[in-house]
Each structure stands twice: as structure tokens, then as C-alpha cells.
Amino acid sequence: MKILIHIHGFILTILIFAISCTERESHDNITNIYYSENEDLPMGNFIDRIEIVPFETDSMNLIDQYHKIEFYDDFGGYLIVDKRQTVYLFTKEGDFISSSRKCRGDGPDQYNILVDAVYNPYNKSIEILSPFGSIYSYDLSFNFLGKRDLQEKSIHTFSRFYPLSDDSYILLPTLLGEKDAVMCFCDYTRQSIISVEDYTADFISTLTMNHNPFVRLNGELYFLPVCLDYNIYRIDEDSCKLSKYISYSFGENINKEDLEKRFSELPLTVEVFPSDANFFLVRVTDAVKIYNYLVGEGIIVRNRNSISLCGNCLRVTVGTRMENDKLIEALQGFII
């Protein structure tokens, strides 16, 4: 018997409530939240209740590790995708409805690779997205309804989608780098991408989180990036535009390139290996001695000296401005 802890409410609801409880500034319709000014609030302010829902389990619905869990008020049940790319439907009480076990394969009414699955309230079907933008539609018993494709070839593969109507969707590319921090508005009647909005300006790294990036609240649609990006965006469905709605501030802006440059200027540095993530690798004169020295100074980096091809390398994670300054000052005091 699978157990699901179902927390009622949305992340965005929590954030909006937090805004009302702390000082903030608004400029150009953007609300800025300053982390240092937030106050601690009891969990009961955000969550109505927690329910434990026991899922019916038999030989037809043995679920592997969860990849996605969503509750849909529209059909009153749960949609679950497991690591084997099978979709399961359960009622809100946990009773098994159906699964897509027989729908995966190479047949004309089957999908081969699943990257996302949703319930489309506009045509009341379960829809499955392939990495190349194909959408497979099934009824709630997983009887095949049809397949739609994008005619034009995209430079991206896709990982998430959200229905805006019977035939209009938002598709999110697989995040492999900054160029993938975009949102594609697609019209499947025309089989084309009609608009592309990017949020690369605030993209930090490809570090991703497994949450639903789309939240509809009070008639508005919001986007919470799955990459590292300290913003929430509002989506204008009519104009296919993306605008910044909430920005978080953790203090003075942190520039990874600046930290890499400061490292390259240290006498103990042999080579800096830049990366797209919020950390980078640096080869030093003696990784073991420098690592132990930093531990003694209360500073933790990752010693990668024992890893193949990483001799005398340390992995440095970008911190706050104060943390970065403390690290550099400590290394300036290290005697080679």
C-alpha cells in the first residue's frame, strides 16, 4: 500500500502570504522580497491540514519510485508518473482508476518515451509529452484518442508542458544550459511554436528541482522555474508574454565569474575550470594541505584530489559575498 502525504495549498499561496508579512519594495510591478527581513511564521499560517492517503495496490498498479505527483480538482484525483514512465490515476480517496502500462511501446497508439504527463481540463484527457514535442492523448481509461506533433524542428528537446486550451500549450526545454532558459508557446493546430519567451537574464545554473513549475491562482498563471532562479514570473496567456512578478534578494549580488577571477589571481592556484553551475573546480598547488587549512579556518570546500583526472583539485561552491570574501582572505593568508 503506497502512502501519499497530501499538503493542501500552493507554493505561490505561501509566498504571497509571506509578502504580506514582511517589508518589501515594488518597482515596475515587481515585488522584491529581502531574505534578511523575513520573519519566522508558524507552519499553520500556510497549511490548512495534512492528509495521509493510502493508495490501493495490486498487481496492476505496483508503482516504482515517484517522478511526479499531481492532484487535479477537475477530475477529482491524482496523476502519478513513476520512474518507469508509467502514468497512474487514483481517486482522491486513493482508489485505483487506471494506468498507462499497456500504452507504452512502438505502436501507432503508444508512446515510447515520456518526459511529462498532465490532465488537460479543456478536452478532459490525459496527455503525455515526448522529448521531441509530440503529445499523445488518452481518456481516463487510457484508450487512445490521438497524437499531435510540432511540424517545425526545434533546437531544444522538451521536459515539461502545460495546456492553455485544446490546442495551445507551453513547452519547457530540457535544461542543459543558459540557452534553454526559455518558454515556448505552441499552437498544435498550426503545428508550430508561435512565440518564445526567455528568462536567461536571471538564470543562475542548471541545478533543477522536481516541482510543478506552473501554478494557477485566482485566474492568473504563474511560473516557478525548475532551475536555480530567484524569481517567480507571471504568464500572460493572451499575449504569450512572460514578466517578472516576485524577486528574492539574498543580499548583494553574487558574481561567480568574479570569484573565479579572484581565484585565478591567487599564488596557490594552478588552473580554474569554469562551469555553468553554482560551483567550479580549481587546481591548486597542494589540495590536501589547502583543504585541511581551510577546515581549520572553519571553511568547507570539496577535496576532489582522489578523483580520476582531478589531482590537486578543490570544488568551490559560490556563497554569499561575505562567505566568498572570507574564503579569499583565508587563502591569501595561506603560506605555500
Protein backbone atom coordinates (compact mmCIF):
# COMPACT_ATOMS: atom_id res chain seq x y z
CA MET A 1 0.00 0.00 0.00
CA LYS A 2 1.50 3.30 -1.10
CA ILE A 3 1.07 6.26 1.26
CA LEU A 4 0.97 9.82 -0.02
CA ILE A 5 1.16 12.84 2.24
CA HIS A 6 -1.03 15.41 0.52
CA ILE A 7 -0.36 19.01 1.52
CA HIS A 8 -3.23 21.30 0.56
CA GLY A 9 -2.29 24.70 -0.83
CA PHE A 10 0.17 26.04 -3.33
CA ILE A 11 3.73 27.24 -3.06
CA LEU A 12 2.62 30.53 -4.53
CA THR A 13 -0.02 30.97 -1.83
CA ILE A 14 2.72 30.60 0.77
CA LEU A 15 4.90 33.15 -0.98
CA ILE A 16 2.12 35.69 -1.37
CA PHE A 17 1.25 35.30 2.29
CA ALA A 18 4.92 35.79 3.17
CA ILE A 19 4.96 39.00 1.16
CA SER A 20 2.17 40.42 3.27
CA CYS A 21 4.13 39.68 6.45
CA THR A 22 7.40 41.44 5.65
CA GLU A 23 8.68 44.76 4.40
CA ARG A 24 9.12 44.86 0.67
CA GLU A 25 9.63 47.17 -2.26
CA SER A 26 7.72 47.21 -5.52
CA HIS A 27 9.12 48.62 -8.74
CA ASP A 28 7.57 48.23 -12.18
CA ASN A 29 5.01 45.77 -10.80
CA ILE A 30 7.79 43.56 -9.40
CA THR A 31 7.70 42.70 -5.70
CA ASN A 32 11.16 42.40 -4.13
CA ILE A 33 11.46 40.13 -1.09
CA TYR A 34 14.54 40.56 1.07
CA TYR A 35 15.53 37.32 2.74
CA SER A 36 17.19 39.03 5.71
CA GLU A 37 13.97 40.91 6.53
CA ASN A 38 11.62 37.90 6.55
CA GLU A 39 10.16 36.90 9.88
CA ASP A 40 9.60 33.35 11.12
CA LEU A 41 5.95 32.34 10.96
CA PRO A 42 4.24 29.18 12.22
CA MET A 43 3.55 26.47 9.64
CA GLY A 44 -0.16 26.70 10.43
CA ASN A 45 -0.25 30.07 8.67
CA PHE A 46 0.43 28.34 5.35
CA ILE A 47 -1.04 24.83 5.54
CA ASP A 48 -4.67 24.02 6.31
CA ARG A 49 -4.10 20.34 7.01
CA ILE A 50 -2.02 17.31 6.08
CA GLU A 51 -3.80 14.17 4.90
CA ILE A 52 -2.38 10.67 4.55
CA VAL A 53 -3.97 8.98 1.55
CA PRO A 54 -3.48 5.17 1.29
CA PHE A 55 -3.26 4.13 -2.37
CA GLU A 56 -4.89 0.92 -3.49
CA THR A 57 -2.18 -1.54 -4.54
CA ASP A 58 -2.42 -4.78 -6.51
CA SER A 59 -0.55 -6.49 -9.36
CA MET A 60 -1.86 -3.89 -11.84
CA ASN A 61 -0.57 -0.80 -10.06
CA LEU A 62 2.73 -1.54 -8.38
CA ILE A 63 4.32 1.89 -8.51
CA ASP A 64 8.07 2.30 -8.76
CA GLN A 65 9.80 5.42 -7.49
CA TYR A 66 7.71 8.55 -7.98
CA HIS A 67 8.71 11.02 -10.68
CA LYS A 68 5.63 13.26 -10.50
CA ILE A 69 2.53 13.53 -8.30
CA GLU A 70 -0.27 15.96 -9.06
CA PHE A 71 -3.79 16.32 -7.69
CA TYR A 72 -6.38 17.61 -10.18
CA ASP A 73 -9.63 19.07 -8.90
CA ASP A 74 -11.04 18.83 -12.43
CA PHE A 75 -11.37 15.05 -12.32
CA GLY A 76 -11.02 14.72 -8.55
CA GLY A 77 -7.98 12.53 -8.42
CA TYR A 78 -4.25 12.02 -8.51
CA LEU A 79 -1.98 11.64 -11.51
CA ILE A 80 1.28 9.86 -10.73
CA VAL A 81 4.23 9.20 -13.02
CA ASP A 82 6.83 6.70 -11.85
CA LYS A 83 10.45 6.21 -12.88
CA ARG A 84 9.42 3.58 -15.44
CA GLN A 85 7.44 6.30 -17.27
CA THR A 86 4.08 4.76 -16.42
CA VAL A 87 1.13 7.04 -15.58
CA TYR A 88 -1.27 6.01 -12.79
CA LEU A 89 -4.63 7.57 -11.89
CA PHE A 90 -6.21 7.35 -8.44
CA THR A 91 -9.32 8.90 -6.92
CA LYS A 92 -8.90 11.42 -4.11
CA GLU A 93 -9.67 8.57 -1.68
CA GLY A 94 -6.78 6.52 -3.14
CA ASP A 95 -8.80 4.05 -5.24
CA PHE A 96 -7.05 2.89 -8.40
CA ILE A 97 -8.63 4.13 -11.66
CA SER A 98 -6.27 3.08 -14.46
CA SER A 99 -2.69 3.13 -15.71
CA SER A 100 -0.80 3.52 -18.98
CA ARG A 101 1.10 0.24 -18.65
CA LYS A 102 -0.26 -1.10 -21.97
CA CYS A 103 0.21 2.22 -23.77
CA ARG A 104 3.99 2.23 -23.88
CA GLY A 105 5.66 0.78 -26.95
CA ASP A 106 6.26 1.39 -30.65
CA GLY A 107 2.69 1.00 -31.90
CA PRO A 108 0.72 3.82 -33.57
CA ASP A 109 -1.35 4.38 -30.42
CA GLN A 110 1.56 4.03 -27.98
CA TYR A 111 4.20 6.38 -26.60
CA ASN A 112 7.84 5.38 -26.48
CA ILE A 113 9.40 8.00 -24.18
CA LEU A 114 7.56 10.07 -21.58
CA VAL A 115 9.01 13.29 -20.18
CA ASP A 116 5.82 14.71 -18.67
CA ALA A 117 2.12 13.91 -18.28
CA VAL A 118 -0.84 16.14 -17.39
CA TYR A 119 -4.61 16.17 -17.22
CA ASN A 120 -5.96 18.62 -19.79
CA PRO A 121 -9.17 20.15 -18.39
CA TYR A 122 -10.11 21.63 -21.77
CA ASN A 123 -10.56 18.29 -23.55
CA LYS A 124 -10.75 16.14 -20.38
CA SER A 125 -7.93 13.83 -21.44
CA ILE A 126 -4.64 12.55 -20.09
CA GLU A 127 -1.80 13.89 -22.23
CA ILE A 128 1.74 12.60 -22.47
CA LEU A 129 4.66 14.63 -23.83
CA SER A 130 7.63 13.14 -25.69
CA PRO A 131 11.03 14.90 -25.64
CA PHE A 132 10.52 15.99 -29.27
CA GLY A 133 7.23 17.79 -28.64
CA SER A 134 4.76 15.06 -29.64
CA ILE A 135 1.62 14.91 -27.47
CA TYR A 136 -0.30 11.63 -27.02
CA SER A 137 -3.88 11.90 -25.75
CA TYR A 138 -5.82 9.22 -23.83
CA ASP A 139 -9.12 9.13 -21.97
CA LEU A 140 -9.21 8.34 -18.25
CA SER A 141 -9.19 4.60 -19.07
CA PHE A 142 -6.16 5.11 -21.31
CA ASN A 143 -7.96 4.48 -24.55
CA PHE A 144 -6.02 6.21 -27.32
CA LEU A 145 -7.55 9.46 -28.61
CA GLY A 146 -4.86 10.85 -30.89
CA LYS A 147 -1.36 12.17 -31.40
CA ARG A 148 -0.19 15.66 -32.33
CA ASP A 149 3.23 16.85 -33.46
CA LEU A 150 5.15 20.04 -34.00
CA GLN A 151 5.95 20.35 -37.69
CA GLU A 152 8.97 22.58 -37.29
CA LYS A 153 12.10 21.19 -35.75
CA SER A 154 13.19 22.84 -32.51
CA ILE A 155 16.75 23.31 -31.33
CA HIS A 156 15.53 22.03 -27.98
CA THR A 157 14.23 18.80 -26.57
CA PHE A 158 11.40 19.30 -24.07
CA SER A 159 10.83 18.22 -20.47
CA ARG A 160 7.61 19.91 -19.23
CA PHE A 161 4.37 21.23 -20.66
CA TYR A 162 1.16 22.98 -19.65
CA PRO A 163 -2.13 23.13 -21.58
CA LEU A 164 -3.62 26.56 -22.24
CA SER A 165 -6.54 25.27 -24.32
CA ASP A 166 -7.48 22.29 -26.51
CA ASP A 167 -4.61 23.00 -28.89
CA SER A 168 -2.34 25.61 -27.24
CA TYR A 169 0.45 24.67 -24.85
CA ILE A 170 3.52 25.95 -23.08
CA LEU A 171 6.56 23.71 -23.55
CA LEU A 172 9.72 23.97 -21.47
CA PRO A 173 13.04 22.75 -22.91
CA THR A 174 15.32 20.30 -21.16
CA LEU A 175 17.68 22.45 -19.09
CA LEU A 176 21.21 21.80 -20.29
CA GLY A 177 22.47 25.39 -20.16
CA GLU A 178 21.52 29.05 -20.16
CA LYS A 179 20.19 28.91 -23.74
CA ASP A 180 17.45 26.54 -22.52
CA ALA A 181 16.02 29.04 -20.01
CA VAL A 182 13.14 29.79 -22.36
CA MET A 183 9.40 29.14 -22.59
CA CYS A 184 7.85 28.04 -25.90
CA PHE A 185 4.22 28.89 -26.68
CA CYS A 186 2.95 26.30 -29.16
CA ASP A 187 -0.16 26.06 -31.36
CA TYR A 188 -0.73 22.43 -32.33
CA THR A 189 -3.45 23.39 -34.81
CA ARG A 190 -0.70 25.13 -36.77
CA GLN A 191 1.88 22.57 -35.55
CA SER A 192 4.29 25.35 -34.72
CA ILE A 193 5.99 27.35 -31.97
CA ILE A 194 4.34 30.74 -32.18
CA SER A 195 6.34 32.60 -29.53
CA VAL A 196 9.43 32.13 -27.36
CA GLU A 197 10.00 33.98 -24.08
CA ASP A 198 13.32 33.79 -22.28
CA TYR A 199 14.35 34.28 -18.66
CA THR A 200 18.09 33.92 -19.25
CA ALA A 201 18.86 37.26 -17.57
CA ASP A 202 18.30 35.74 -14.12
CA PHE A 203 19.37 32.19 -14.91
CA ILE A 204 21.98 31.02 -12.37
CA SER A 205 22.60 27.33 -13.03
CA THR A 206 21.05 24.15 -14.40
CA LEU A 207 20.59 22.80 -10.88
CA THR A 208 16.97 21.64 -11.13
CA MET A 209 14.16 20.86 -8.72
CA ASN A 210 11.37 18.37 -9.29
CA HIS A 211 8.29 20.51 -8.71
CA ASN A 212 5.42 21.59 -10.90
CA PRO A 213 6.64 24.88 -12.39
CA PHE A 214 3.12 26.12 -13.25
CA VAL A 215 0.63 27.38 -10.67
CA ARG A 216 -2.80 28.83 -11.47
CA LEU A 217 -4.15 31.05 -8.71
CA ASN A 218 -7.12 33.41 -8.73
CA GLY A 219 -7.34 33.29 -12.51
CA GLU A 220 -3.65 34.08 -13.04
CA LEU A 221 -0.97 31.69 -14.28
CA TYR A 222 2.45 31.81 -12.61
CA PHE A 223 5.78 30.19 -13.46
CA LEU A 224 8.30 28.95 -10.87
CA PRO A 225 11.46 27.90 -12.76
CA VAL A 226 12.83 24.44 -12.01
CA CYS A 227 16.37 25.78 -12.47
CA LEU A 228 18.18 27.99 -10.00
CA ASP A 229 16.46 31.36 -10.50
CA TYR A 230 15.35 33.59 -7.64
CA ASN A 231 12.17 34.81 -9.32
CA ILE A 232 8.52 33.96 -9.87
CA TYR A 233 7.05 35.02 -13.20
CA ARG A 234 3.53 35.86 -14.36
CA ILE A 235 2.36 34.44 -17.70
CA ASP A 236 0.07 36.49 -19.91
CA GLU A 237 -1.81 33.80 -21.83
CA ASP A 238 -3.36 36.22 -24.34
CA SER A 239 -0.13 37.90 -25.44
CA CYS A 240 2.14 34.89 -24.77
CA LYS A 241 4.41 37.03 -22.61
CA LEU A 242 6.43 36.30 -19.50
CA SER A 243 7.03 39.00 -16.89
CA LYS A 244 8.83 39.02 -13.57
CA TYR A 245 6.40 39.07 -10.62
CA ILE A 246 8.38 38.33 -7.44
CA SER A 247 12.17 38.62 -6.94
CA TYR A 248 14.12 37.35 -3.95
CA SER A 249 17.16 39.18 -2.65
CA PHE A 250 19.79 37.39 -0.55
CA GLY A 251 21.94 40.46 -0.17
CA GLU A 252 24.48 41.94 -2.54
CA ASN A 253 24.52 40.28 -5.94
CA ILE A 254 26.94 37.34 -6.16
CA ASN A 255 29.03 37.09 -9.29
CA LYS A 256 30.51 33.62 -9.90
CA GLU A 257 32.77 34.95 -12.64
CA ASP A 258 34.20 37.48 -10.17
CA LEU A 259 35.00 34.71 -7.68
CA GLU A 260 36.63 32.62 -10.43
CA LYS A 261 38.74 35.65 -11.39
CA ARG A 262 39.80 36.25 -7.79
CA PHE A 263 40.79 32.58 -7.52
CA SER A 264 42.87 32.77 -10.69
CA GLU A 265 44.91 35.59 -9.16
CA LEU A 266 45.90 33.59 -6.05
CA PRO A 267 49.53 32.30 -5.98
CA LEU A 268 48.31 28.84 -4.95
CA THR A 269 46.04 28.48 -8.00
CA VAL A 270 47.27 26.42 -10.94
CA GLU A 271 44.12 26.46 -13.06
CA VAL A 272 40.42 27.38 -12.72
CA PHE A 273 37.82 25.30 -14.57
CA PRO A 274 34.68 27.44 -15.13
CA SER A 275 31.24 25.80 -15.12
CA ASP A 276 27.58 26.66 -15.69
CA ALA A 277 26.65 25.51 -12.18
CA ASN A 278 26.92 27.45 -8.90
CA PHE A 279 30.28 25.81 -8.22
CA PHE A 280 33.56 25.37 -10.08
CA LEU A 281 36.70 23.25 -9.94
CA VAL A 282 40.12 24.74 -9.20
CA ARG A 283 43.51 23.02 -9.40
CA VAL A 284 45.87 24.19 -6.66
CA THR A 285 49.47 23.55 -5.59
CA ASP A 286 48.54 21.09 -2.81
CA ALA A 287 44.85 20.25 -2.46
CA VAL A 288 45.21 18.18 0.73
CA LYS A 289 47.16 20.83 2.66
CA ILE A 290 44.91 23.66 1.49
CA TYR A 291 41.75 21.67 2.27
CA ASN A 292 42.96 20.92 5.82
CA TYR A 293 43.99 24.56 6.27
CA LEU A 294 40.52 25.78 5.25
CA VAL A 295 38.84 23.28 7.60
CA GLY A 296 40.92 24.76 10.40
CA GLU A 297 39.61 28.18 9.39
CA GLY A 298 36.02 26.94 9.54
CA ILE A 299 35.60 26.95 5.75
CA ILE A 300 34.39 23.90 3.86
CA VAL A 301 35.21 23.16 0.23
CA ARG A 302 35.21 19.75 -1.50
CA ASN A 303 38.50 17.91 -1.84
CA ARG A 304 38.48 16.18 -5.25
CA ASN A 305 42.16 15.17 -5.18
CA SER A 306 41.41 11.42 -5.12
CA ILE A 307 39.08 11.50 -8.14
CA SER A 308 40.48 10.46 -11.50
CA LEU A 309 41.79 13.42 -13.57
CA CYS A 310 41.14 15.76 -10.62
CA GLY A 311 44.52 15.62 -8.92
CA ASN A 312 45.09 18.58 -6.59
CA CYS A 313 41.60 19.90 -7.34
CA LEU A 314 39.11 21.51 -4.98
CA ARG A 315 35.44 22.12 -5.74
CA VAL A 316 34.32 25.56 -4.64
CA THR A 317 30.65 26.49 -4.23
CA VAL A 318 29.69 30.14 -4.68
CA GLY A 319 28.40 31.56 -1.41
CA THR A 320 27.26 34.95 -0.22
CA ARG A 321 29.51 37.95 -0.75
CA MET A 322 30.64 37.72 2.88
CA GLU A 323 31.39 33.99 2.58
CA ASN A 324 33.32 34.48 -0.67
CA ASP A 325 35.38 37.30 0.86
CA LYS A 326 36.19 35.14 3.91
CA LEU A 327 37.36 32.30 1.63
CA ILE A 328 39.62 34.52 -0.48
CA GLU A 329 41.07 36.27 2.58
CA ALA A 330 41.86 32.89 4.17
CA LEU A 331 43.59 31.65 1.01
CA GLN A 332 45.60 34.88 0.74
CA GLY A 333 46.98 34.04 4.18
CA PHE A 334 47.99 30.50 3.21
CA ILE A 335 51.76 30.04 3.01
CA ILE A 336 52.80 27.92 0.03
